[in-house]
Amino acid sequence: CQKSGSIESYVINWHTDIFLESPMTGESEPQEPDGG
């Protein structure tokens, strides 16, 4: 799991951890230009 400075990313993070490879999210590691 990757920690990001975004609530949405955080929610999707733990969500993906529970569902494991969710159909909603393509990749568990979203490539964002903003690094914090």
N, C-alpha and C. Protein backbone atom coordinates (compact mmCIF):
# COMPACT_ATOMS: atom_id res chain seq x y z
N CYS A 1 0.83 -1.21 0.00
CA CYS A 1 0.00 0.00 0.00
C CYS A 1 0.87 1.26 0.00
N GLN A 2 0.44 2.25 -0.75
CA GLN A 2 1.22 3.49 -0.84
C GLN A 2 0.48 4.63 -0.16
N LYS A 3 1.22 5.37 0.67
CA LYS A 3 0.60 6.49 1.39
C LYS A 3 0.63 7.74 0.52
N SER A 4 -0.52 8.37 0.40
CA SER A 4 -0.60 9.59 -0.41
C SER A 4 -1.26 10.70 0.38
N GLY A 5 -1.04 11.94 -0.05
CA GLY A 5 -1.62 13.08 0.65
C GLY A 5 -3.02 13.38 0.15
N SER A 6 -3.72 12.33 -0.28
CA SER A 6 -5.08 12.53 -0.78
C SER A 6 -6.04 11.57 -0.09
N ILE A 7 -7.17 12.09 0.32
CA ILE A 7 -8.15 11.24 1.00
C ILE A 7 -8.66 10.16 0.05
N GLU A 8 -8.96 10.55 -1.17
CA GLU A 8 -9.47 9.58 -2.15
C GLU A 8 -8.50 8.42 -2.32
N SER A 9 -7.23 8.76 -2.47
CA SER A 9 -6.20 7.73 -2.65
C SER A 9 -6.16 6.82 -1.43
N TYR A 10 -6.27 7.42 -0.25
CA TYR A 10 -6.22 6.66 0.99
C TYR A 10 -7.39 5.69 1.08
N VAL A 11 -8.58 6.21 0.76
CA VAL A 11 -9.78 5.37 0.81
C VAL A 11 -9.65 4.20 -0.16
N ILE A 12 -9.18 4.50 -1.37
CA ILE A 12 -9.03 3.46 -2.38
C ILE A 12 -7.97 2.46 -1.94
N ASN A 13 -6.95 2.95 -1.21
CA ASN A 13 -5.88 2.09 -0.74
C ASN A 13 -6.43 0.99 0.15
N TRP A 14 -7.10 1.35 1.22
CA TRP A 14 -7.62 0.33 2.14
C TRP A 14 -8.75 -0.46 1.49
N HIS A 15 -9.46 0.18 0.57
CA HIS A 15 -10.53 -0.51 -0.13
C HIS A 15 -9.95 -1.63 -0.99
N THR A 16 -8.87 -1.31 -1.70
CA THR A 16 -8.23 -2.29 -2.57
C THR A 16 -7.66 -3.42 -1.72
N ASP A 17 -7.17 -3.08 -0.53
CA ASP A 17 -6.58 -4.09 0.35
C ASP A 17 -7.63 -5.11 0.77
N ILE A 18 -8.86 -4.65 0.92
CA ILE A 18 -9.94 -5.54 1.36
C ILE A 18 -10.47 -6.36 0.19
N PHE A 19 -10.70 -5.68 -0.93
CA PHE A 19 -11.27 -6.36 -2.09
C PHE A 19 -10.19 -7.10 -2.89
N LEU A 20 -8.95 -6.63 -2.77
CA LEU A 20 -7.85 -7.26 -3.49
C LEU A 20 -8.13 -7.26 -4.99
N GLU A 21 -7.43 -6.41 -5.71
CA GLU A 21 -7.62 -6.32 -7.16
C GLU A 21 -9.07 -6.01 -7.48
N SER A 22 -9.51 -4.84 -7.09
CA SER A 22 -10.90 -4.45 -7.34
C SER A 22 -11.10 -4.11 -8.82
N PRO A 23 -12.27 -4.43 -9.33
CA PRO A 23 -12.57 -4.14 -10.74
C PRO A 23 -12.67 -2.64 -11.01
N MET A 24 -12.99 -1.88 -9.96
CA MET A 24 -13.13 -0.43 -10.11
C MET A 24 -11.77 0.21 -10.37
N THR A 25 -10.75 -0.23 -9.62
CA THR A 25 -9.41 0.34 -9.77
C THR A 25 -8.55 -0.58 -10.64
N GLY A 26 -7.90 0.00 -11.64
CA GLY A 26 -7.07 -0.81 -12.54
C GLY A 26 -5.82 -1.27 -11.83
N GLU A 27 -5.10 -0.32 -11.23
CA GLU A 27 -3.85 -0.66 -10.56
C GLU A 27 -3.88 -0.20 -9.11
N SER A 28 -3.25 -0.99 -8.23
CA SER A 28 -3.25 -0.63 -6.82
C SER A 28 -2.28 0.51 -6.55
N GLU A 29 -1.39 0.76 -7.54
CA GLU A 29 -0.41 1.84 -7.38
C GLU A 29 -0.61 2.89 -8.46
N PRO A 30 -1.48 3.87 -8.17
CA PRO A 30 -1.75 4.94 -9.14
C PRO A 30 -0.55 5.86 -9.34
N GLN A 31 -0.20 6.09 -10.60
CA GLN A 31 0.96 6.93 -10.90
C GLN A 31 0.54 8.39 -10.94
N GLU A 32 0.87 9.11 -9.87
CA GLU A 32 0.51 10.53 -9.79
C GLU A 32 1.75 11.41 -9.83
N PRO A 33 1.66 12.53 -10.58
CA PRO A 33 2.81 13.44 -10.70
C PRO A 33 3.12 14.13 -9.38
N ASP A 34 2.11 14.28 -8.55
CA ASP A 34 2.29 14.95 -7.26
C ASP A 34 2.78 13.97 -6.21
N GLY A 35 3.98 14.20 -5.70
CA GLY A 35 4.54 13.30 -4.69
C GLY A 35 4.69 13.98 -3.35
N GLY A 36 3.97 13.46 -2.35
CA GLY A 36 4.03 14.12 -1.07
C GLY A 36 4.13 13.07 0.00
